[in-house]
Amino acid sequence: VDPYWASCEVDILARDEDGDFTIV
């Protein structure tokens, strides 16, 4: 079931302008 996170473009974290993790 795990690969659908990537294959369907369901993102969890990204970066903000300060380099901190941010939830998306």
PDBML (XML) file of the C-alpha atoms, coordinates in Angstrom:
<?xml version="1.0" encoding="UTF-8" ?>
<PDBx:datablock datablockName="MODEL"
   xmlns:PDBx="http://pdbml.pdb.org/schema/pdbx-v50.xsd"
   xmlns:xsi="http://www.w3.org/2001/XMLSchema-instance"
   xsi:schemaLocation="http://pdbml.pdb.org/schema/pdbx-v50.xsd pdbx-v50.xsd">
   <PDBx:atom_siteCategory>
      <PDBx:atom_site id="1">
         <PDBx:B_iso_or_equiv>0.00</PDBx:B_iso_or_equiv>
         <PDBx:Cartn_x>0.000</PDBx:Cartn_x>
         <PDBx:Cartn_y>0.000</PDBx:Cartn_y>
         <PDBx:Cartn_z>0.000</PDBx:Cartn_z>
         <PDBx:auth_asym_id>A</PDBx:auth_asym_id>
         <PDBx:auth_atom_id>CA</PDBx:auth_atom_id>
         <PDBx:auth_comp_id>VAL</PDBx:auth_comp_id>
         <PDBx:auth_seq_id>1</PDBx:auth_seq_id>
         <PDBx:group_PDB>ATOM</PDBx:group_PDB>
         <PDBx:label_alt_id xsi:nil="true" />
         <PDBx:label_asym_id>A</PDBx:label_asym_id>
         <PDBx:label_atom_id>CA</PDBx:label_atom_id>
         <PDBx:label_comp_id>VAL</PDBx:label_comp_id>
         <PDBx:label_entity_id>1</PDBx:label_entity_id>
         <PDBx:label_seq_id>1</PDBx:label_seq_id>
         <PDBx:occupancy>1.00</PDBx:occupancy>
         <PDBx:pdbx_PDB_model_num>1</PDBx:pdbx_PDB_model_num>
         <PDBx:type_symbol>C</PDBx:type_symbol>
      </PDBx:atom_site>
      <PDBx:atom_site id="2">
         <PDBx:B_iso_or_equiv>0.00</PDBx:B_iso_or_equiv>
         <PDBx:Cartn_x>2.949</PDBx:Cartn_x>
         <PDBx:Cartn_y>2.309</PDBx:Cartn_y>
         <PDBx:Cartn_z>0.696</PDBx:Cartn_z>
         <PDBx:auth_asym_id>A</PDBx:auth_asym_id>
         <PDBx:auth_atom_id>CA</PDBx:auth_atom_id>
         <PDBx:auth_comp_id>ASP</PDBx:auth_comp_id>
         <PDBx:auth_seq_id>2</PDBx:auth_seq_id>
         <PDBx:group_PDB>ATOM</PDBx:group_PDB>
         <PDBx:label_alt_id xsi:nil="true" />
         <PDBx:label_asym_id>A</PDBx:label_asym_id>
         <PDBx:label_atom_id>CA</PDBx:label_atom_id>
         <PDBx:label_comp_id>ASP</PDBx:label_comp_id>
         <PDBx:label_entity_id>1</PDBx:label_entity_id>
         <PDBx:label_seq_id>2</PDBx:label_seq_id>
         <PDBx:occupancy>1.00</PDBx:occupancy>
         <PDBx:pdbx_PDB_model_num>1</PDBx:pdbx_PDB_model_num>
         <PDBx:type_symbol>C</PDBx:type_symbol>
      </PDBx:atom_site>
      <PDBx:atom_site id="3">
         <PDBx:B_iso_or_equiv>0.00</PDBx:B_iso_or_equiv>
         <PDBx:Cartn_x>4.049</PDBx:Cartn_x>
         <PDBx:Cartn_y>3.108</PDBx:Cartn_y>
         <PDBx:Cartn_z>-2.897</PDBx:Cartn_z>
         <PDBx:auth_asym_id>A</PDBx:auth_asym_id>
         <PDBx:auth_atom_id>CA</PDBx:auth_atom_id>
         <PDBx:auth_comp_id>PRO</PDBx:auth_comp_id>
         <PDBx:auth_seq_id>3</PDBx:auth_seq_id>
         <PDBx:group_PDB>ATOM</PDBx:group_PDB>
         <PDBx:label_alt_id xsi:nil="true" />
         <PDBx:label_asym_id>A</PDBx:label_asym_id>
         <PDBx:label_atom_id>CA</PDBx:label_atom_id>
         <PDBx:label_comp_id>PRO</PDBx:label_comp_id>
         <PDBx:label_entity_id>1</PDBx:label_entity_id>
         <PDBx:label_seq_id>3</PDBx:label_seq_id>
         <PDBx:occupancy>1.00</PDBx:occupancy>
         <PDBx:pdbx_PDB_model_num>1</PDBx:pdbx_PDB_model_num>
         <PDBx:type_symbol>C</PDBx:type_symbol>
      </PDBx:atom_site>
      <PDBx:atom_site id="4">
         <PDBx:B_iso_or_equiv>0.00</PDBx:B_iso_or_equiv>
         <PDBx:Cartn_x>0.837</PDBx:Cartn_x>
         <PDBx:Cartn_y>5.025</PDBx:Cartn_y>
         <PDBx:Cartn_z>-3.656</PDBx:Cartn_z>
         <PDBx:auth_asym_id>A</PDBx:auth_asym_id>
         <PDBx:auth_atom_id>CA</PDBx:auth_atom_id>
         <PDBx:auth_comp_id>TYR</PDBx:auth_comp_id>
         <PDBx:auth_seq_id>4</PDBx:auth_seq_id>
         <PDBx:group_PDB>ATOM</PDBx:group_PDB>
         <PDBx:label_alt_id xsi:nil="true" />
         <PDBx:label_asym_id>A</PDBx:label_asym_id>
         <PDBx:label_atom_id>CA</PDBx:label_atom_id>
         <PDBx:label_comp_id>TYR</PDBx:label_comp_id>
         <PDBx:label_entity_id>1</PDBx:label_entity_id>
         <PDBx:label_seq_id>4</PDBx:label_seq_id>
         <PDBx:occupancy>1.00</PDBx:occupancy>
         <PDBx:pdbx_PDB_model_num>1</PDBx:pdbx_PDB_model_num>
         <PDBx:type_symbol>C</PDBx:type_symbol>
      </PDBx:atom_site>
      <PDBx:atom_site id="5">
         <PDBx:B_iso_or_equiv>0.00</PDBx:B_iso_or_equiv>
         <PDBx:Cartn_x>2.087</PDBx:Cartn_x>
         <PDBx:Cartn_y>7.921</PDBx:Cartn_y>
         <PDBx:Cartn_z>-1.514</PDBx:Cartn_z>
         <PDBx:auth_asym_id>A</PDBx:auth_asym_id>
         <PDBx:auth_atom_id>CA</PDBx:auth_atom_id>
         <PDBx:auth_comp_id>TRP</PDBx:auth_comp_id>
         <PDBx:auth_seq_id>5</PDBx:auth_seq_id>
         <PDBx:group_PDB>ATOM</PDBx:group_PDB>
         <PDBx:label_alt_id xsi:nil="true" />
         <PDBx:label_asym_id>A</PDBx:label_asym_id>
         <PDBx:label_atom_id>CA</PDBx:label_atom_id>
         <PDBx:label_comp_id>TRP</PDBx:label_comp_id>
         <PDBx:label_entity_id>1</PDBx:label_entity_id>
         <PDBx:label_seq_id>5</PDBx:label_seq_id>
         <PDBx:occupancy>1.00</PDBx:occupancy>
         <PDBx:pdbx_PDB_model_num>1</PDBx:pdbx_PDB_model_num>
         <PDBx:type_symbol>C</PDBx:type_symbol>
      </PDBx:atom_site>
      <PDBx:atom_site id="6">
         <PDBx:B_iso_or_equiv>0.00</PDBx:B_iso_or_equiv>
         <PDBx:Cartn_x>4.763</PDBx:Cartn_x>
         <PDBx:Cartn_y>8.613</PDBx:Cartn_y>
         <PDBx:Cartn_z>-4.108</PDBx:Cartn_z>
         <PDBx:auth_asym_id>A</PDBx:auth_asym_id>
         <PDBx:auth_atom_id>CA</PDBx:auth_atom_id>
         <PDBx:auth_comp_id>ALA</PDBx:auth_comp_id>
         <PDBx:auth_seq_id>6</PDBx:auth_seq_id>
         <PDBx:group_PDB>ATOM</PDBx:group_PDB>
         <PDBx:label_alt_id xsi:nil="true" />
         <PDBx:label_asym_id>A</PDBx:label_asym_id>
         <PDBx:label_atom_id>CA</PDBx:label_atom_id>
         <PDBx:label_comp_id>ALA</PDBx:label_comp_id>
         <PDBx:label_entity_id>1</PDBx:label_entity_id>
         <PDBx:label_seq_id>6</PDBx:label_seq_id>
         <PDBx:occupancy>1.00</PDBx:occupancy>
         <PDBx:pdbx_PDB_model_num>1</PDBx:pdbx_PDB_model_num>
         <PDBx:type_symbol>C</PDBx:type_symbol>
      </PDBx:atom_site>
      <PDBx:atom_site id="7">
         <PDBx:B_iso_or_equiv>0.00</PDBx:B_iso_or_equiv>
         <PDBx:Cartn_x>3.125</PDBx:Cartn_x>
         <PDBx:Cartn_y>7.300</PDBx:Cartn_y>
         <PDBx:Cartn_z>-7.271</PDBx:Cartn_z>
         <PDBx:auth_asym_id>A</PDBx:auth_asym_id>
         <PDBx:auth_atom_id>CA</PDBx:auth_atom_id>
         <PDBx:auth_comp_id>SER</PDBx:auth_comp_id>
         <PDBx:auth_seq_id>7</PDBx:auth_seq_id>
         <PDBx:group_PDB>ATOM</PDBx:group_PDB>
         <PDBx:label_alt_id xsi:nil="true" />
         <PDBx:label_asym_id>A</PDBx:label_asym_id>
         <PDBx:label_atom_id>CA</PDBx:label_atom_id>
         <PDBx:label_comp_id>SER</PDBx:label_comp_id>
         <PDBx:label_entity_id>1</PDBx:label_entity_id>
         <PDBx:label_seq_id>7</PDBx:label_seq_id>
         <PDBx:occupancy>1.00</PDBx:occupancy>
         <PDBx:pdbx_PDB_model_num>1</PDBx:pdbx_PDB_model_num>
         <PDBx:type_symbol>C</PDBx:type_symbol>
      </PDBx:atom_site>
      <PDBx:atom_site id="8">
         <PDBx:B_iso_or_equiv>0.00</PDBx:B_iso_or_equiv>
         <PDBx:Cartn_x>0.002</PDBx:Cartn_x>
         <PDBx:Cartn_y>9.425</PDBx:Cartn_y>
         <PDBx:Cartn_z>-6.661</PDBx:Cartn_z>
         <PDBx:auth_asym_id>A</PDBx:auth_asym_id>
         <PDBx:auth_atom_id>CA</PDBx:auth_atom_id>
         <PDBx:auth_comp_id>CYS</PDBx:auth_comp_id>
         <PDBx:auth_seq_id>8</PDBx:auth_seq_id>
         <PDBx:group_PDB>ATOM</PDBx:group_PDB>
         <PDBx:label_alt_id xsi:nil="true" />
         <PDBx:label_asym_id>A</PDBx:label_asym_id>
         <PDBx:label_atom_id>CA</PDBx:label_atom_id>
         <PDBx:label_comp_id>CYS</PDBx:label_comp_id>
         <PDBx:label_entity_id>1</PDBx:label_entity_id>
         <PDBx:label_seq_id>8</PDBx:label_seq_id>
         <PDBx:occupancy>1.00</PDBx:occupancy>
         <PDBx:pdbx_PDB_model_num>1</PDBx:pdbx_PDB_model_num>
         <PDBx:type_symbol>C</PDBx:type_symbol>
      </PDBx:atom_site>
      <PDBx:atom_site id="9">
         <PDBx:B_iso_or_equiv>0.00</PDBx:B_iso_or_equiv>
         <PDBx:Cartn_x>1.924</PDBx:Cartn_x>
         <PDBx:Cartn_y>12.514</PDBx:Cartn_y>
         <PDBx:Cartn_z>-5.476</PDBx:Cartn_z>
         <PDBx:auth_asym_id>A</PDBx:auth_asym_id>
         <PDBx:auth_atom_id>CA</PDBx:auth_atom_id>
         <PDBx:auth_comp_id>GLU</PDBx:auth_comp_id>
         <PDBx:auth_seq_id>9</PDBx:auth_seq_id>
         <PDBx:group_PDB>ATOM</PDBx:group_PDB>
         <PDBx:label_alt_id xsi:nil="true" />
         <PDBx:label_asym_id>A</PDBx:label_asym_id>
         <PDBx:label_atom_id>CA</PDBx:label_atom_id>
         <PDBx:label_comp_id>GLU</PDBx:label_comp_id>
         <PDBx:label_entity_id>1</PDBx:label_entity_id>
         <PDBx:label_seq_id>9</PDBx:label_seq_id>
         <PDBx:occupancy>1.00</PDBx:occupancy>
         <PDBx:pdbx_PDB_model_num>1</PDBx:pdbx_PDB_model_num>
         <PDBx:type_symbol>C</PDBx:type_symbol>
      </PDBx:atom_site>
      <PDBx:atom_site id="10">
         <PDBx:B_iso_or_equiv>0.00</PDBx:B_iso_or_equiv>
         <PDBx:Cartn_x>0.697</PDBx:Cartn_x>
         <PDBx:Cartn_y>12.624</PDBx:Cartn_y>
         <PDBx:Cartn_z>-1.888</PDBx:Cartn_z>
         <PDBx:auth_asym_id>A</PDBx:auth_asym_id>
         <PDBx:auth_atom_id>CA</PDBx:auth_atom_id>
         <PDBx:auth_comp_id>VAL</PDBx:auth_comp_id>
         <PDBx:auth_seq_id>10</PDBx:auth_seq_id>
         <PDBx:group_PDB>ATOM</PDBx:group_PDB>
         <PDBx:label_alt_id xsi:nil="true" />
         <PDBx:label_asym_id>A</PDBx:label_asym_id>
         <PDBx:label_atom_id>CA</PDBx:label_atom_id>
         <PDBx:label_comp_id>VAL</PDBx:label_comp_id>
         <PDBx:label_entity_id>1</PDBx:label_entity_id>
         <PDBx:label_seq_id>10</PDBx:label_seq_id>
         <PDBx:occupancy>1.00</PDBx:occupancy>
         <PDBx:pdbx_PDB_model_num>1</PDBx:pdbx_PDB_model_num>
         <PDBx:type_symbol>C</PDBx:type_symbol>
      </PDBx:atom_site>
      <PDBx:atom_site id="11">
         <PDBx:B_iso_or_equiv>0.00</PDBx:B_iso_or_equiv>
         <PDBx:Cartn_x>3.405</PDBx:Cartn_x>
         <PDBx:Cartn_y>14.676</PDBx:Cartn_y>
         <PDBx:Cartn_z>-0.173</PDBx:Cartn_z>
         <PDBx:auth_asym_id>A</PDBx:auth_asym_id>
         <PDBx:auth_atom_id>CA</PDBx:auth_atom_id>
         <PDBx:auth_comp_id>ASP</PDBx:auth_comp_id>
         <PDBx:auth_seq_id>11</PDBx:auth_seq_id>
         <PDBx:group_PDB>ATOM</PDBx:group_PDB>
         <PDBx:label_alt_id xsi:nil="true" />
         <PDBx:label_asym_id>A</PDBx:label_asym_id>
         <PDBx:label_atom_id>CA</PDBx:label_atom_id>
         <PDBx:label_comp_id>ASP</PDBx:label_comp_id>
         <PDBx:label_entity_id>1</PDBx:label_entity_id>
         <PDBx:label_seq_id>11</PDBx:label_seq_id>
         <PDBx:occupancy>1.00</PDBx:occupancy>
         <PDBx:pdbx_PDB_model_num>1</PDBx:pdbx_PDB_model_num>
         <PDBx:type_symbol>C</PDBx:type_symbol>
      </PDBx:atom_site>
      <PDBx:atom_site id="12">
         <PDBx:B_iso_or_equiv>0.00</PDBx:B_iso_or_equiv>
         <PDBx:Cartn_x>3.927</PDBx:Cartn_x>
         <PDBx:Cartn_y>14.955</PDBx:Cartn_y>
         <PDBx:Cartn_z>3.574</PDBx:Cartn_z>
         <PDBx:auth_asym_id>A</PDBx:auth_asym_id>
         <PDBx:auth_atom_id>CA</PDBx:auth_atom_id>
         <PDBx:auth_comp_id>ILE</PDBx:auth_comp_id>
         <PDBx:auth_seq_id>12</PDBx:auth_seq_id>
         <PDBx:group_PDB>ATOM</PDBx:group_PDB>
         <PDBx:label_alt_id xsi:nil="true" />
         <PDBx:label_asym_id>A</PDBx:label_asym_id>
         <PDBx:label_atom_id>CA</PDBx:label_atom_id>
         <PDBx:label_comp_id>ILE</PDBx:label_comp_id>
         <PDBx:label_entity_id>1</PDBx:label_entity_id>
         <PDBx:label_seq_id>12</PDBx:label_seq_id>
         <PDBx:occupancy>1.00</PDBx:occupancy>
         <PDBx:pdbx_PDB_model_num>1</PDBx:pdbx_PDB_model_num>
         <PDBx:type_symbol>C</PDBx:type_symbol>
      </PDBx:atom_site>
      <PDBx:atom_site id="13">
         <PDBx:B_iso_or_equiv>0.00</PDBx:B_iso_or_equiv>
         <PDBx:Cartn_x>6.754</PDBx:Cartn_x>
         <PDBx:Cartn_y>17.462</PDBx:Cartn_y>
         <PDBx:Cartn_z>4.160</PDBx:Cartn_z>
         <PDBx:auth_asym_id>A</PDBx:auth_asym_id>
         <PDBx:auth_atom_id>CA</PDBx:auth_atom_id>
         <PDBx:auth_comp_id>LEU</PDBx:auth_comp_id>
         <PDBx:auth_seq_id>13</PDBx:auth_seq_id>
         <PDBx:group_PDB>ATOM</PDBx:group_PDB>
         <PDBx:label_alt_id xsi:nil="true" />
         <PDBx:label_asym_id>A</PDBx:label_asym_id>
         <PDBx:label_atom_id>CA</PDBx:label_atom_id>
         <PDBx:label_comp_id>LEU</PDBx:label_comp_id>
         <PDBx:label_entity_id>1</PDBx:label_entity_id>
         <PDBx:label_seq_id>13</PDBx:label_seq_id>
         <PDBx:occupancy>1.00</PDBx:occupancy>
         <PDBx:pdbx_PDB_model_num>1</PDBx:pdbx_PDB_model_num>
         <PDBx:type_symbol>C</PDBx:type_symbol>
      </PDBx:atom_site>
      <PDBx:atom_site id="14">
         <PDBx:B_iso_or_equiv>0.00</PDBx:B_iso_or_equiv>
         <PDBx:Cartn_x>8.468</PDBx:Cartn_x>
         <PDBx:Cartn_y>20.207</PDBx:Cartn_y>
         <PDBx:Cartn_z>2.177</PDBx:Cartn_z>
         <PDBx:auth_asym_id>A</PDBx:auth_asym_id>
         <PDBx:auth_atom_id>CA</PDBx:auth_atom_id>
         <PDBx:auth_comp_id>ALA</PDBx:auth_comp_id>
         <PDBx:auth_seq_id>14</PDBx:auth_seq_id>
         <PDBx:group_PDB>ATOM</PDBx:group_PDB>
         <PDBx:label_alt_id xsi:nil="true" />
         <PDBx:label_asym_id>A</PDBx:label_asym_id>
         <PDBx:label_atom_id>CA</PDBx:label_atom_id>
         <PDBx:label_comp_id>ALA</PDBx:label_comp_id>
         <PDBx:label_entity_id>1</PDBx:label_entity_id>
         <PDBx:label_seq_id>14</PDBx:label_seq_id>
         <PDBx:occupancy>1.00</PDBx:occupancy>
         <PDBx:pdbx_PDB_model_num>1</PDBx:pdbx_PDB_model_num>
         <PDBx:type_symbol>C</PDBx:type_symbol>
      </PDBx:atom_site>
      <PDBx:atom_site id="15">
         <PDBx:B_iso_or_equiv>0.00</PDBx:B_iso_or_equiv>
         <PDBx:Cartn_x>10.884</PDBx:Cartn_x>
         <PDBx:Cartn_y>23.044</PDBx:Cartn_y>
         <PDBx:Cartn_z>3.017</PDBx:Cartn_z>
         <PDBx:auth_asym_id>A</PDBx:auth_asym_id>
         <PDBx:auth_atom_id>CA</PDBx:auth_atom_id>
         <PDBx:auth_comp_id>ARG</PDBx:auth_comp_id>
         <PDBx:auth_seq_id>15</PDBx:auth_seq_id>
         <PDBx:group_PDB>ATOM</PDBx:group_PDB>
         <PDBx:label_alt_id xsi:nil="true" />
         <PDBx:label_asym_id>A</PDBx:label_asym_id>
         <PDBx:label_atom_id>CA</PDBx:label_atom_id>
         <PDBx:label_comp_id>ARG</PDBx:label_comp_id>
         <PDBx:label_entity_id>1</PDBx:label_entity_id>
         <PDBx:label_seq_id>15</PDBx:label_seq_id>
         <PDBx:occupancy>1.00</PDBx:occupancy>
         <PDBx:pdbx_PDB_model_num>1</PDBx:pdbx_PDB_model_num>
         <PDBx:type_symbol>C</PDBx:type_symbol>
      </PDBx:atom_site>
      <PDBx:atom_site id="16">
         <PDBx:B_iso_or_equiv>0.00</PDBx:B_iso_or_equiv>
         <PDBx:Cartn_x>10.186</PDBx:Cartn_x>
         <PDBx:Cartn_y>26.677</PDBx:Cartn_y>
         <PDBx:Cartn_z>3.707</PDBx:Cartn_z>
         <PDBx:auth_asym_id>A</PDBx:auth_asym_id>
         <PDBx:auth_atom_id>CA</PDBx:auth_atom_id>
         <PDBx:auth_comp_id>ASP</PDBx:auth_comp_id>
         <PDBx:auth_seq_id>16</PDBx:auth_seq_id>
         <PDBx:group_PDB>ATOM</PDBx:group_PDB>
         <PDBx:label_alt_id xsi:nil="true" />
         <PDBx:label_asym_id>A</PDBx:label_asym_id>
         <PDBx:label_atom_id>CA</PDBx:label_atom_id>
         <PDBx:label_comp_id>ASP</PDBx:label_comp_id>
         <PDBx:label_entity_id>1</PDBx:label_entity_id>
         <PDBx:label_seq_id>16</PDBx:label_seq_id>
         <PDBx:occupancy>1.00</PDBx:occupancy>
         <PDBx:pdbx_PDB_model_num>1</PDBx:pdbx_PDB_model_num>
         <PDBx:type_symbol>C</PDBx:type_symbol>
      </PDBx:atom_site>
      <PDBx:atom_site id="17">
         <PDBx:B_iso_or_equiv>0.00</PDBx:B_iso_or_equiv>
         <PDBx:Cartn_x>12.498</PDBx:Cartn_x>
         <PDBx:Cartn_y>29.577</PDBx:Cartn_y>
         <PDBx:Cartn_z>2.841</PDBx:Cartn_z>
         <PDBx:auth_asym_id>A</PDBx:auth_asym_id>
         <PDBx:auth_atom_id>CA</PDBx:auth_atom_id>
         <PDBx:auth_comp_id>GLU</PDBx:auth_comp_id>
         <PDBx:auth_seq_id>17</PDBx:auth_seq_id>
         <PDBx:group_PDB>ATOM</PDBx:group_PDB>
         <PDBx:label_alt_id xsi:nil="true" />
         <PDBx:label_asym_id>A</PDBx:label_asym_id>
         <PDBx:label_atom_id>CA</PDBx:label_atom_id>
         <PDBx:label_comp_id>GLU</PDBx:label_comp_id>
         <PDBx:label_entity_id>1</PDBx:label_entity_id>
         <PDBx:label_seq_id>17</PDBx:label_seq_id>
         <PDBx:occupancy>1.00</PDBx:occupancy>
         <PDBx:pdbx_PDB_model_num>1</PDBx:pdbx_PDB_model_num>
         <PDBx:type_symbol>C</PDBx:type_symbol>
      </PDBx:atom_site>
      <PDBx:atom_site id="18">
         <PDBx:B_iso_or_equiv>0.00</PDBx:B_iso_or_equiv>
         <PDBx:Cartn_x>14.397</PDBx:Cartn_x>
         <PDBx:Cartn_y>29.130</PDBx:Cartn_y>
         <PDBx:Cartn_z>6.131</PDBx:Cartn_z>
         <PDBx:auth_asym_id>A</PDBx:auth_asym_id>
         <PDBx:auth_atom_id>CA</PDBx:auth_atom_id>
         <PDBx:auth_comp_id>ASP</PDBx:auth_comp_id>
         <PDBx:auth_seq_id>18</PDBx:auth_seq_id>
         <PDBx:group_PDB>ATOM</PDBx:group_PDB>
         <PDBx:label_alt_id xsi:nil="true" />
         <PDBx:label_asym_id>A</PDBx:label_asym_id>
         <PDBx:label_atom_id>CA</PDBx:label_atom_id>
         <PDBx:label_comp_id>ASP</PDBx:label_comp_id>
         <PDBx:label_entity_id>1</PDBx:label_entity_id>
         <PDBx:label_seq_id>18</PDBx:label_seq_id>
         <PDBx:occupancy>1.00</PDBx:occupancy>
         <PDBx:pdbx_PDB_model_num>1</PDBx:pdbx_PDB_model_num>
         <PDBx:type_symbol>C</PDBx:type_symbol>
      </PDBx:atom_site>
      <PDBx:atom_site id="19">
         <PDBx:B_iso_or_equiv>0.00</PDBx:B_iso_or_equiv>
         <PDBx:Cartn_x>15.135</PDBx:Cartn_x>
         <PDBx:Cartn_y>25.469</PDBx:Cartn_y>
         <PDBx:Cartn_z>5.488</PDBx:Cartn_z>
         <PDBx:auth_asym_id>A</PDBx:auth_asym_id>
         <PDBx:auth_atom_id>CA</PDBx:auth_atom_id>
         <PDBx:auth_comp_id>GLY</PDBx:auth_comp_id>
         <PDBx:auth_seq_id>19</PDBx:auth_seq_id>
         <PDBx:group_PDB>ATOM</PDBx:group_PDB>
         <PDBx:label_alt_id xsi:nil="true" />
         <PDBx:label_asym_id>A</PDBx:label_asym_id>
         <PDBx:label_atom_id>CA</PDBx:label_atom_id>
         <PDBx:label_comp_id>GLY</PDBx:label_comp_id>
         <PDBx:label_entity_id>1</PDBx:label_entity_id>
         <PDBx:label_seq_id>19</PDBx:label_seq_id>
         <PDBx:occupancy>1.00</PDBx:occupancy>
         <PDBx:pdbx_PDB_model_num>1</PDBx:pdbx_PDB_model_num>
         <PDBx:type_symbol>C</PDBx:type_symbol>
      </PDBx:atom_site>
      <PDBx:atom_site id="20">
         <PDBx:B_iso_or_equiv>0.00</PDBx:B_iso_or_equiv>
         <PDBx:Cartn_x>12.648</PDBx:Cartn_x>
         <PDBx:Cartn_y>24.240</PDBx:Cartn_y>
         <PDBx:Cartn_z>8.089</PDBx:Cartn_z>
         <PDBx:auth_asym_id>A</PDBx:auth_asym_id>
         <PDBx:auth_atom_id>CA</PDBx:auth_atom_id>
         <PDBx:auth_comp_id>ASP</PDBx:auth_comp_id>
         <PDBx:auth_seq_id>20</PDBx:auth_seq_id>
         <PDBx:group_PDB>ATOM</PDBx:group_PDB>
         <PDBx:label_alt_id xsi:nil="true" />
         <PDBx:label_asym_id>A</PDBx:label_asym_id>
         <PDBx:label_atom_id>CA</PDBx:label_atom_id>
         <PDBx:label_comp_id>ASP</PDBx:label_comp_id>
         <PDBx:label_entity_id>1</PDBx:label_entity_id>
         <PDBx:label_seq_id>20</PDBx:label_seq_id>
         <PDBx:occupancy>1.00</PDBx:occupancy>
         <PDBx:pdbx_PDB_model_num>1</PDBx:pdbx_PDB_model_num>
         <PDBx:type_symbol>C</PDBx:type_symbol>
      </PDBx:atom_site>
      <PDBx:atom_site id="21">
         <PDBx:B_iso_or_equiv>0.00</PDBx:B_iso_or_equiv>
         <PDBx:Cartn_x>10.372</PDBx:Cartn_x>
         <PDBx:Cartn_y>21.292</PDBx:Cartn_y>
         <PDBx:Cartn_z>7.396</PDBx:Cartn_z>
         <PDBx:auth_asym_id>A</PDBx:auth_asym_id>
         <PDBx:auth_atom_id>CA</PDBx:auth_atom_id>
         <PDBx:auth_comp_id>PHE</PDBx:auth_comp_id>
         <PDBx:auth_seq_id>21</PDBx:auth_seq_id>
         <PDBx:group_PDB>ATOM</PDBx:group_PDB>
         <PDBx:label_alt_id xsi:nil="true" />
         <PDBx:label_asym_id>A</PDBx:label_asym_id>
         <PDBx:label_atom_id>CA</PDBx:label_atom_id>
         <PDBx:label_comp_id>PHE</PDBx:label_comp_id>
         <PDBx:label_entity_id>1</PDBx:label_entity_id>
         <PDBx:label_seq_id>21</PDBx:label_seq_id>
         <PDBx:occupancy>1.00</PDBx:occupancy>
         <PDBx:pdbx_PDB_model_num>1</PDBx:pdbx_PDB_model_num>
         <PDBx:type_symbol>C</PDBx:type_symbol>
      </PDBx:atom_site>
      <PDBx:atom_site id="22">
         <PDBx:B_iso_or_equiv>0.00</PDBx:B_iso_or_equiv>
         <PDBx:Cartn_x>6.787</PDBx:Cartn_x>
         <PDBx:Cartn_y>22.291</PDBx:Cartn_y>
         <PDBx:Cartn_z>6.743</PDBx:Cartn_z>
         <PDBx:auth_asym_id>A</PDBx:auth_asym_id>
         <PDBx:auth_atom_id>CA</PDBx:auth_atom_id>
         <PDBx:auth_comp_id>THR</PDBx:auth_comp_id>
         <PDBx:auth_seq_id>22</PDBx:auth_seq_id>
         <PDBx:group_PDB>ATOM</PDBx:group_PDB>
         <PDBx:label_alt_id xsi:nil="true" />
         <PDBx:label_asym_id>A</PDBx:label_asym_id>
         <PDBx:label_atom_id>CA</PDBx:label_atom_id>
         <PDBx:label_comp_id>THR</PDBx:label_comp_id>
         <PDBx:label_entity_id>1</PDBx:label_entity_id>
         <PDBx:label_seq_id>22</PDBx:label_seq_id>
         <PDBx:occupancy>1.00</PDBx:occupancy>
         <PDBx:pdbx_PDB_model_num>1</PDBx:pdbx_PDB_model_num>
         <PDBx:type_symbol>C</PDBx:type_symbol>
      </PDBx:atom_site>
      <PDBx:atom_site id="23">
         <PDBx:B_iso_or_equiv>0.00</PDBx:B_iso_or_equiv>
         <PDBx:Cartn_x>3.691</PDBx:Cartn_x>
         <PDBx:Cartn_y>20.108</PDBx:Cartn_y>
         <PDBx:Cartn_z>6.436</PDBx:Cartn_z>
         <PDBx:auth_asym_id>A</PDBx:auth_asym_id>
         <PDBx:auth_atom_id>CA</PDBx:auth_atom_id>
         <PDBx:auth_comp_id>ILE</PDBx:auth_comp_id>
         <PDBx:auth_seq_id>23</PDBx:auth_seq_id>
         <PDBx:group_PDB>ATOM</PDBx:group_PDB>
         <PDBx:label_alt_id xsi:nil="true" />
         <PDBx:label_asym_id>A</PDBx:label_asym_id>
         <PDBx:label_atom_id>CA</PDBx:label_atom_id>
         <PDBx:label_comp_id>ILE</PDBx:label_comp_id>
         <PDBx:label_entity_id>1</PDBx:label_entity_id>
         <PDBx:label_seq_id>23</PDBx:label_seq_id>
         <PDBx:occupancy>1.00</PDBx:occupancy>
         <PDBx:pdbx_PDB_model_num>1</PDBx:pdbx_PDB_model_num>
         <PDBx:type_symbol>C</PDBx:type_symbol>
      </PDBx:atom_site>
      <PDBx:atom_site id="24">
         <PDBx:B_iso_or_equiv>0.00</PDBx:B_iso_or_equiv>
         <PDBx:Cartn_x>2.101</PDBx:Cartn_x>
         <PDBx:Cartn_y>20.028</PDBx:Cartn_y>
         <PDBx:Cartn_z>2.973</PDBx:Cartn_z>
         <PDBx:auth_asym_id>A</PDBx:auth_asym_id>
         <PDBx:auth_atom_id>CA</PDBx:auth_atom_id>
         <PDBx:auth_comp_id>VAL</PDBx:auth_comp_id>
         <PDBx:auth_seq_id>24</PDBx:auth_seq_id>
         <PDBx:group_PDB>ATOM</PDBx:group_PDB>
         <PDBx:label_alt_id xsi:nil="true" />
         <PDBx:label_asym_id>A</PDBx:label_asym_id>
         <PDBx:label_atom_id>CA</PDBx:label_atom_id>
         <PDBx:label_comp_id>VAL</PDBx:label_comp_id>
         <PDBx:label_entity_id>1</PDBx:label_entity_id>
         <PDBx:label_seq_id>24</PDBx:label_seq_id>
         <PDBx:occupancy>1.00</PDBx:occupancy>
         <PDBx:pdbx_PDB_model_num>1</PDBx:pdbx_PDB_model_num>
         <PDBx:type_symbol>C</PDBx:type_symbol>
      </PDBx:atom_site>
   </PDBx:atom_siteCategory>
</PDBx:datablock>
